[in-house]
Amino acid sequence: MAKFLFFIGLVALVFWTLGAKGRAARKPAPPPQPPAPPPQPQAMVSCAQCGLHLPSAEALPGRGGMFCSAAHRQAYEAAQAGG
């Protein structure tokens, strides 16, 4: 009977040791990152040549207003200078 209890104790010790090593090897998952805040709204302007609405950060300033491209700025300024 003593051999049987010793064997049960030994098996329990082995399982407890393996379980402790397994728990130590598993690292806790890093906490989830909070979602990025949404981008802030930007002021919109319209192209003086074609009327396209675009963010003011992307618009090109010129004589007579804001423009969606250098070609529209050039065309508008040429039309204003010509008459």
PDB file of N, CA and C in Angstrom:
ATOM      1  N   MET A   1       0.809  -1.188   0.000  1.00  0.00           N
ATOM      2  CA  MET A   1       0.000   0.000   0.000  1.00  0.00           C
ATOM      3  C   MET A   1       0.858   1.259   0.000  1.00  0.00           C
ATOM      4  N   ALA A   2       1.990   1.230   0.704  1.00  0.00           N
ATOM      5  CA  ALA A   2       2.879   2.388   0.784  1.00  0.00           C
ATOM      6  C   ALA A   2       3.475   2.680  -0.586  1.00  0.00           C
ATOM      7  N   LYS A   3       3.790   1.596  -1.372  1.00  0.00           N
ATOM      8  CA  LYS A   3       4.320   1.797  -2.717  1.00  0.00           C
ATOM      9  C   LYS A   3       3.292   2.514  -3.599  1.00  0.00           C
ATOM     10  N   PHE A   4       2.032   2.116  -3.447  1.00  0.00           N
ATOM     11  CA  PHE A   4       0.961   2.714  -4.250  1.00  0.00           C
ATOM     12  C   PHE A   4       0.811   4.200  -3.929  1.00  0.00           C
ATOM     13  N   LEU A   5       0.822   4.562  -2.663  1.00  0.00           N
ATOM     14  CA  LEU A   5       0.710   5.968  -2.277  1.00  0.00           C
ATOM     15  C   LEU A   5       1.936   6.761  -2.724  1.00  0.00           C
ATOM     16  N   PHE A   6       3.098   6.151  -2.627  1.00  0.00           N
ATOM     17  CA  PHE A   6       4.323   6.801  -3.089  1.00  0.00           C
ATOM     18  C   PHE A   6       4.250   7.053  -4.595  1.00  0.00           C
ATOM     19  N   PHE A   7       3.775   6.073  -5.347  1.00  0.00           N
ATOM     20  CA  PHE A   7       3.639   6.189  -6.800  1.00  0.00           C
ATOM     21  C   PHE A   7       2.633   7.301  -7.152  1.00  0.00           C
ATOM     22  N   ILE A   8       1.503   7.356  -6.495  1.00  0.00           N
ATOM     23  CA  ILE A   8       0.494   8.392  -6.730  1.00  0.00           C
ATOM     24  C   ILE A   8       1.093   9.769  -6.407  1.00  0.00           C
ATOM     25  N   GLY A   9       1.813   9.875  -5.319  1.00  0.00           N
ATOM     26  CA  GLY A   9       2.457  11.138  -4.949  1.00  0.00           C
ATOM     27  C   GLY A   9       3.486  11.566  -5.973  1.00  0.00           C
ATOM     28  N   LEU A  10       4.261  10.602  -6.474  1.00  0.00           N
ATOM     29  CA  LEU A  10       5.275  10.900  -7.487  1.00  0.00           C
ATOM     30  C   LEU A  10       4.624  11.383  -8.779  1.00  0.00           C
ATOM     31  N   VAL A  11       3.565  10.710  -9.209  1.00  0.00           N
ATOM     32  CA  VAL A  11       2.853  11.126 -10.424  1.00  0.00           C
ATOM     33  C   VAL A  11       2.265  12.520 -10.223  1.00  0.00           C
ATOM     34  N   ALA A  12       1.683  12.795  -9.076  1.00  0.00           N
ATOM     35  CA  ALA A  12       1.111  14.107  -8.794  1.00  0.00           C
ATOM     36  C   ALA A  12       2.196  15.175  -8.816  1.00  0.00           C
ATOM     37  N   LEU A  13       3.365  14.876  -8.265  1.00  0.00           N
ATOM     38  CA  LEU A  13       4.484  15.814  -8.267  1.00  0.00           C
ATOM     39  C   LEU A  13       4.947  16.115  -9.687  1.00  0.00           C
ATOM     40  N   VAL A  14       5.026  15.084 -10.525  1.00  0.00           N
ATOM     41  CA  VAL A  14       5.442  15.288 -11.917  1.00  0.00           C
ATOM     42  C   VAL A  14       4.433  16.180 -12.640  1.00  0.00           C
ATOM     43  N   PHE A  15       3.138  15.903 -12.494  1.00  0.00           N
ATOM     44  CA  PHE A  15       2.130  16.725 -13.163  1.00  0.00           C
ATOM     45  C   PHE A  15       2.147  18.163 -12.646  1.00  0.00           C
ATOM     46  N   TRP A  16       2.320  18.337 -11.355  1.00  0.00           N
ATOM     47  CA  TRP A  16       2.358  19.678 -10.783  1.00  0.00           C
ATOM     48  C   TRP A  16       3.563  20.448 -11.308  1.00  0.00           C
ATOM     49  N   THR A  17       4.722  19.789 -11.411  1.00  0.00           N
ATOM     50  CA  THR A  17       5.937  20.437 -11.917  1.00  0.00           C
ATOM     51  C   THR A  17       5.765  20.818 -13.377  1.00  0.00           C
ATOM     52  N   LEU A  18       5.231  19.912 -14.183  1.00  0.00           N
ATOM     53  CA  LEU A  18       5.034  20.219 -15.606  1.00  0.00           C
ATOM     54  C   LEU A  18       4.015  21.344 -15.784  1.00  0.00           C
ATOM     55  N   GLY A  19       2.991  21.346 -14.989  1.00  0.00           N
ATOM     56  CA  GLY A  19       1.992  22.407 -15.076  1.00  0.00           C
ATOM     57  C   GLY A  19       2.563  23.762 -14.702  1.00  0.00           C
ATOM     58  N   ALA A  20       3.415  23.790 -13.693  1.00  0.00           N
ATOM     59  CA  ALA A  20       4.021  25.052 -13.271  1.00  0.00           C
ATOM     60  C   ALA A  20       4.952  25.585 -14.353  1.00  0.00           C
ATOM     61  N   LYS A  21       5.697  24.709 -15.001  1.00  0.00           N
ATOM     62  CA  LYS A  21       6.596  25.139 -16.082  1.00  0.00           C
ATOM     63  C   LYS A  21       5.786  25.636 -17.271  1.00  0.00           C
ATOM     64  N   GLY A  22       4.696  24.966 -17.555  1.00  0.00           N
ATOM     65  CA  GLY A  22       3.851  25.390 -18.667  1.00  0.00           C
ATOM     66  C   GLY A  22       3.224  26.752 -18.418  1.00  0.00           C
ATOM     67  N   ARG A  23       2.797  26.987 -17.181  1.00  0.00           N
ATOM     68  CA  ARG A  23       2.212  28.298 -16.858  1.00  0.00           C
ATOM     69  C   ARG A  23       3.268  29.383 -16.912  1.00  0.00           C
ATOM     70  N   ALA A  24       4.488  29.075 -16.502  1.00  0.00           N
ATOM     71  CA  ALA A  24       5.558  30.070 -16.527  1.00  0.00           C
ATOM     72  C   ALA A  24       5.990  30.362 -17.959  1.00  0.00           C
ATOM     73  N   ALA A  25       5.930  29.378 -18.841  1.00  0.00           N
ATOM     74  CA  ALA A  25       6.364  29.578 -20.222  1.00  0.00           C
ATOM     75  C   ALA A  25       5.367  30.429 -20.997  1.00  0.00           C
ATOM     76  N   ARG A  26       4.087  30.330 -20.673  1.00  0.00           N
ATOM     77  CA  ARG A  26       3.075  31.129 -21.378  1.00  0.00           C
ATOM     78  C   ARG A  26       3.130  32.561 -20.882  1.00  0.00           C
ATOM     79  N   LYS A  27       3.361  33.476 -21.796  1.00  0.00           N
ATOM     80  CA  LYS A  27       3.380  34.888 -21.432  1.00  0.00           C
ATOM     81  C   LYS A  27       1.978  35.444 -21.634  1.00  0.00           C
ATOM     82  N   PRO A  28       1.582  36.328 -20.782  1.00  0.00           N
ATOM     83  CA  PRO A  28       0.255  36.921 -20.972  1.00  0.00           C
ATOM     84  C   PRO A  28       0.240  37.764 -22.242  1.00  0.00           C
ATOM     85  N   ALA A  29      -0.891  37.780 -22.896  1.00  0.00           N
ATOM     86  CA  ALA A  29      -1.029  38.560 -24.128  1.00  0.00           C
ATOM     87  C   ALA A  29      -0.915  40.041 -23.796  1.00  0.00           C
ATOM     88  N   PRO A  30      -0.268  40.806 -24.668  1.00  0.00           N
ATOM     89  CA  PRO A  30      -0.177  42.246 -24.397  1.00  0.00           C
ATOM     90  C   PRO A  30      -1.569  42.871 -24.455  1.00  0.00           C
ATOM     91  N   PRO A  31      -1.771  43.910 -23.711  1.00  0.00           N
ATOM     92  CA  PRO A  31      -3.107  44.530 -23.724  1.00  0.00           C
ATOM     93  C   PRO A  31      -3.406  45.088 -25.114  1.00  0.00           C
ATOM     94  N   PRO A  32      -4.646  45.046 -25.536  1.00  0.00           N
ATOM     95  CA  PRO A  32      -4.973  45.540 -26.872  1.00  0.00           C
ATOM     96  C   PRO A  32      -4.735  47.046 -26.969  1.00  0.00           C
ATOM     97  N   GLN A  33      -4.260  47.465 -28.125  1.00  0.00           N
ATOM     98  CA  GLN A  33      -4.016  48.883 -28.349  1.00  0.00           C
ATOM     99  C   GLN A  33      -5.351  49.590 -28.570  1.00  0.00           C
ATOM    100  N   PRO A  34      -5.499  50.770 -28.018  1.00  0.00           N
ATOM    101  CA  PRO A  34      -6.747  51.493 -28.263  1.00  0.00           C
ATOM    102  C   PRO A  34      -6.807  51.906 -29.735  1.00  0.00           C
ATOM    103  N   PRO A  35      -7.995  51.979 -30.305  1.00  0.00           N
ATOM    104  CA  PRO A  35      -8.084  52.355 -31.711  1.00  0.00           C
ATOM    105  C   PRO A  35      -7.584  53.783 -31.917  1.00  0.00           C
ATOM    106  N   ALA A  36      -7.012  54.020 -33.083  1.00  0.00           N
ATOM    107  CA  ALA A  36      -6.503  55.350 -33.395  1.00  0.00           C
ATOM    108  C   ALA A  36      -7.675  56.325 -33.494  1.00  0.00           C
ATOM    109  N   PRO A  37      -7.463  57.534 -33.023  1.00  0.00           N
ATOM    110  CA  PRO A  37      -8.566  58.495 -33.119  1.00  0.00           C
ATOM    111  C   PRO A  37      -8.840  58.832 -34.577  1.00  0.00           C
ATOM    112  N   PRO A  38     -10.083  59.132 -34.900  1.00  0.00           N
ATOM    113  CA  PRO A  38     -10.385  59.467 -36.295  1.00  0.00           C
ATOM    114  C   PRO A  38      -9.700  60.772 -36.677  1.00  0.00           C
ATOM    115  N   PRO A  39      -9.377  60.945 -37.947  1.00  0.00           N
ATOM    116  CA  PRO A  39      -8.718  62.186 -38.352  1.00  0.00           C
ATOM    117  C   PRO A  39      -9.632  63.388 -38.145  1.00  0.00           C
ATOM    118  N   GLN A  40      -9.020  64.501 -37.843  1.00  0.00           N
ATOM    119  CA  GLN A  40      -9.782  65.718 -37.613  1.00  0.00           C
ATOM    120  C   GLN A  40     -10.341  66.239 -38.938  1.00  0.00           C
ATOM    121  N   PRO A  41     -11.534  66.805 -38.925  1.00  0.00           N
ATOM    122  CA  PRO A  41     -12.095  67.358 -40.159  1.00  0.00           C
ATOM    123  C   PRO A  41     -11.237  68.524 -40.655  1.00  0.00           C
ATOM    124  N   GLN A  42     -11.166  68.659 -41.958  1.00  0.00           N
ATOM    125  CA  GLN A  42     -10.399  69.739 -42.563  1.00  0.00           C
ATOM    126  C   GLN A  42     -11.345  70.710 -43.255  1.00  0.00           C
ATOM    127  N   ALA A  43     -10.926  71.946 -43.333  1.00  0.00           N
ATOM    128  CA  ALA A  43     -11.708  72.941 -44.060  1.00  0.00           C
ATOM    129  C   ALA A  43     -11.643  72.609 -45.547  1.00  0.00           C
ATOM    130  N   MET A  44     -12.770  72.728 -46.224  1.00  0.00           N
ATOM    131  CA  MET A  44     -12.844  72.455 -47.652  1.00  0.00           C
ATOM    132  C   MET A  44     -12.919  73.781 -48.409  1.00  0.00           C
ATOM    133  N   VAL A  45     -12.266  73.816 -49.561  1.00  0.00           N
ATOM    134  CA  VAL A  45     -12.324  74.979 -50.445  1.00  0.00           C
ATOM    135  C   VAL A  45     -12.696  74.486 -51.834  1.00  0.00           C
ATOM    136  N   SER A  46     -13.108  75.384 -52.665  1.00  0.00           N
ATOM    137  CA  SER A  46     -13.438  74.993 -54.036  1.00  0.00           C
ATOM    138  C   SER A  46     -12.456  75.656 -54.993  1.00  0.00           C
ATOM    139  N   CYS A  47     -12.150  74.953 -56.055  1.00  0.00           N
ATOM    140  CA  CYS A  47     -11.239  75.445 -57.083  1.00  0.00           C
ATOM    141  C   CYS A  47     -11.910  76.627 -57.790  1.00  0.00           C
ATOM    142  N   ALA A  48     -11.176  77.740 -57.936  1.00  0.00           N
ATOM    143  CA  ALA A  48     -11.731  78.923 -58.589  1.00  0.00           C
ATOM    144  C   ALA A  48     -11.959  78.681 -60.082  1.00  0.00           C
ATOM    145  N   GLN A  49     -11.290  77.695 -60.668  1.00  0.00           N
ATOM    146  CA  GLN A  49     -11.422  77.420 -62.102  1.00  0.00           C
ATOM    147  C   GLN A  49     -12.566  76.441 -62.391  1.00  0.00           C
ATOM    148  N   CYS A  50     -12.590  75.289 -61.695  1.00  0.00           N
ATOM    149  CA  CYS A  50     -13.566  74.242 -62.038  1.00  0.00           C
ATOM    150  C   CYS A  50     -14.618  74.003 -60.969  1.00  0.00           C
ATOM    151  N   GLY A  51     -14.429  74.549 -59.760  1.00  0.00           N
ATOM    152  CA  GLY A  51     -15.405  74.383 -58.702  1.00  0.00           C
ATOM    153  C   GLY A  51     -15.253  73.109 -57.883  1.00  0.00           C
ATOM    154  N   LEU A  52     -14.240  72.314 -58.153  1.00  0.00           N
ATOM    155  CA  LEU A  52     -14.006  71.076 -57.406  1.00  0.00           C
ATOM    156  C   LEU A  52     -13.739  71.401 -55.945  1.00  0.00           C
ATOM    157  N   HIS A  53     -14.379  70.679 -55.028  1.00  0.00           N
ATOM    158  CA  HIS A  53     -14.134  70.859 -53.595  1.00  0.00           C
ATOM    159  C   HIS A  53     -12.999  69.930 -53.171  1.00  0.00           C
ATOM    160  N   LEU A  54     -12.048  70.491 -52.415  1.00  0.00           N
ATOM    161  CA  LEU A  54     -10.916  69.705 -51.932  1.00  0.00           C
ATOM    162  C   LEU A  54     -10.462  70.276 -50.594  1.00  0.00           C
ATOM    163  N   PRO A  55      -9.737  69.469 -49.799  1.00  0.00           N
ATOM    164  CA  PRO A  55      -9.241  69.968 -48.513  1.00  0.00           C
ATOM    165  C   PRO A  55      -8.294  71.145 -48.730  1.00  0.00           C
ATOM    166  N   SER A  56      -8.362  72.109 -47.844  1.00  0.00           N
ATOM    167  CA  SER A  56      -7.527  73.302 -48.002  1.00  0.00           C
ATOM    168  C   SER A  56      -6.038  72.964 -47.945  1.00  0.00           C
ATOM    169  N   ALA A  57      -5.673  71.886 -47.265  1.00  0.00           N
ATOM    170  CA  ALA A  57      -4.264  71.495 -47.195  1.00  0.00           C
ATOM    171  C   ALA A  57      -3.735  71.015 -48.550  1.00  0.00           C
ATOM    172  N   GLU A  58      -4.613  70.572 -49.433  1.00  0.00           N
ATOM    173  CA  GLU A  58      -4.200  70.075 -50.744  1.00  0.00           C
ATOM    174  C   GLU A  58      -4.357  71.120 -51.848  1.00  0.00           C
ATOM    175  N   ALA A  59      -4.991  72.252 -51.546  1.00  0.00           N
ATOM    176  CA  ALA A  59      -5.248  73.269 -52.563  1.00  0.00           C
ATOM    177  C   ALA A  59      -4.007  74.123 -52.807  1.00  0.00           C
ATOM    178  N   LEU A  60      -3.913  74.649 -54.013  1.00  0.00           N
ATOM    179  CA  LEU A  60      -2.807  75.525 -54.385  1.00  0.00           C
ATOM    180  C   LEU A  60      -3.314  76.966 -54.396  1.00  0.00           C
ATOM    181  N   PRO A  61      -2.684  77.857 -53.630  1.00  0.00           N
ATOM    182  CA  PRO A  61      -3.132  79.248 -53.647  1.00  0.00           C
ATOM    183  C   PRO A  61      -2.639  79.953 -54.915  1.00  0.00           C
ATOM    184  N   GLY A  62      -3.397  80.909 -55.329  1.00  0.00           N
ATOM    185  CA  GLY A  62      -3.015  81.696 -56.499  1.00  0.00           C
ATOM    186  C   GLY A  62      -3.722  83.028 -56.478  1.00  0.00           C
ATOM    187  N   ARG A  63      -3.460  83.845 -57.513  1.00  0.00           N
ATOM    188  CA  ARG A  63      -4.145  85.134 -57.607  1.00  0.00           C
ATOM    189  C   ARG A  63      -5.592  84.864 -58.005  1.00  0.00           C
ATOM    190  N   GLY A  64      -6.492  85.144 -57.122  1.00  0.00           N
ATOM    191  CA  GLY A  64      -7.899  84.944 -57.424  1.00  0.00           C
ATOM    192  C   GLY A  64      -8.539  83.798 -56.686  1.00  0.00           C
ATOM    193  N   GLY A  65      -7.812  83.084 -55.866  1.00  0.00           N
ATOM    194  CA  GLY A  65      -8.430  82.016 -55.099  1.00  0.00           C
ATOM    195  C   GLY A  65      -7.547  80.801 -54.907  1.00  0.00           C
ATOM    196  N   MET A  66      -8.218  79.688 -54.629  1.00  0.00           N
ATOM    197  CA  MET A  66      -7.531  78.403 -54.415  1.00  0.00           C
ATOM    198  C   MET A  66      -7.822  77.514 -55.619  1.00  0.00           C
ATOM    199  N   PHE A  67      -6.865  76.643 -55.952  1.00  0.00           N
ATOM    200  CA  PHE A  67      -6.989  75.834 -57.158  1.00  0.00           C
ATOM    201  C   PHE A  67      -6.661  74.378 -56.858  1.00  0.00           C
ATOM    202  N   CYS A  68      -7.259  73.481 -57.675  1.00  0.00           N
ATOM    203  CA  CYS A  68      -7.042  72.048 -57.475  1.00  0.00           C
ATOM    204  C   CYS A  68      -5.758  71.570 -58.138  1.00  0.00           C
ATOM    205  N   SER A  69      -5.232  72.317 -59.094  1.00  0.00           N
ATOM    206  CA  SER A  69      -3.997  71.916 -59.770  1.00  0.00           C
ATOM    207  C   SER A  69      -3.283  73.150 -60.294  1.00  0.00           C
ATOM    208  N   ALA A  70      -2.013  72.978 -60.618  1.00  0.00           N
ATOM    209  CA  ALA A  70      -1.235  74.082 -61.168  1.00  0.00           C
ATOM    210  C   ALA A  70      -1.769  74.485 -62.536  1.00  0.00           C
ATOM    211  N   ALA A  71      -2.282  73.541 -63.308  1.00  0.00           N
ATOM    212  CA  ALA A  71      -2.823  73.849 -64.634  1.00  0.00           C
ATOM    213  C   ALA A  71      -4.059  74.741 -64.514  1.00  0.00           C
ATOM    214  N   HIS A  72      -4.920  74.467 -63.546  1.00  0.00           N
ATOM    215  CA  HIS A  72      -6.105  75.308 -63.369  1.00  0.00           C
ATOM    216  C   HIS A  72      -5.720  76.691 -62.859  1.00  0.00           C
ATOM    217  N   ARG A  73      -4.724  76.743 -61.985  1.00  0.00           N
ATOM    218  CA  ARG A  73      -4.258  78.051 -61.508  1.00  0.00           C
ATOM    219  C   ARG A  73      -3.721  78.868 -62.669  1.00  0.00           C
ATOM    220  N   GLN A  74      -2.911  78.227 -63.509  1.00  0.00           N
ATOM    221  CA  GLN A  74      -2.315  78.916 -64.658  1.00  0.00           C
ATOM    222  C   GLN A  74      -3.407  79.362 -65.639  1.00  0.00           C
ATOM    223  N   ALA A  75      -4.373  78.507 -65.925  1.00  0.00           N
ATOM    224  CA  ALA A  75      -5.442  78.857 -66.863  1.00  0.00           C
ATOM    225  C   ALA A  75      -6.276  80.013 -66.317  1.00  0.00           C
ATOM    226  N   TYR A  76      -6.592  79.983 -65.030  1.00  0.00           N
ATOM    227  CA  TYR A  76      -7.407  81.049 -64.432  1.00  0.00           C
ATOM    228  C   TYR A  76      -6.659  82.377 -64.473  1.00  0.00           C
ATOM    229  N   GLU A  77      -5.379  82.348 -64.085  1.00  0.00           N
ATOM    230  CA  GLU A  77      -4.604  83.582 -64.069  1.00  0.00           C
ATOM    231  C   GLU A  77      -4.375  84.117 -65.477  1.00  0.00           C
ATOM    232  N   ALA A  78      -4.227  83.245 -66.469  1.00  0.00           N
ATOM    233  CA  ALA A  78      -4.064  83.685 -67.846  1.00  0.00           C
ATOM    234  C   ALA A  78      -5.356  84.327 -68.358  1.00  0.00           C
ATOM    235  N   ALA A  79      -6.498  83.756 -67.992  1.00  0.00           N
ATOM    236  CA  ALA A  79      -7.783  84.317 -68.414  1.00  0.00           C
ATOM    237  C   ALA A  79      -8.023  85.671 -67.758  1.00  0.00           C
ATOM    238  N   GLN A  80      -7.624  85.817 -66.501  1.00  0.00           N
ATOM    239  CA  GLN A  80      -7.798  87.090 -65.792  1.00  0.00           C
ATOM    240  C   GLN A  80      -6.876  88.180 -66.342  1.00  0.00           C
ATOM    241  N   ALA A  81      -5.665  87.785 -66.743  1.00  0.00           N
ATOM    242  CA  ALA A  81      -4.695  88.743 -67.278  1.00  0.00           C
ATOM    243  C   ALA A  81      -5.077  89.152 -68.701  1.00  0.00           C
ATOM    244  N   GLY A  82      -5.674  88.236 -69.442  1.00  0.00           N
ATOM    245  CA  GLY A  82      -6.020  88.505 -70.841  1.00  0.00           C
ATOM    246  C   GLY A  82      -7.283  89.309 -71.013  1.00  0.00           C
ATOM    247  N   GLY A  83      -8.045  89.447 -70.026  1.00  0.00           N
ATOM    248  CA  GLY A  83      -9.183  90.286 -70.274  1.00  0.00           C
ATOM    249  C   GLY A  83     -10.353  89.902 -69.540  1.00  0.00           C
TER     250      GLY A  83
END
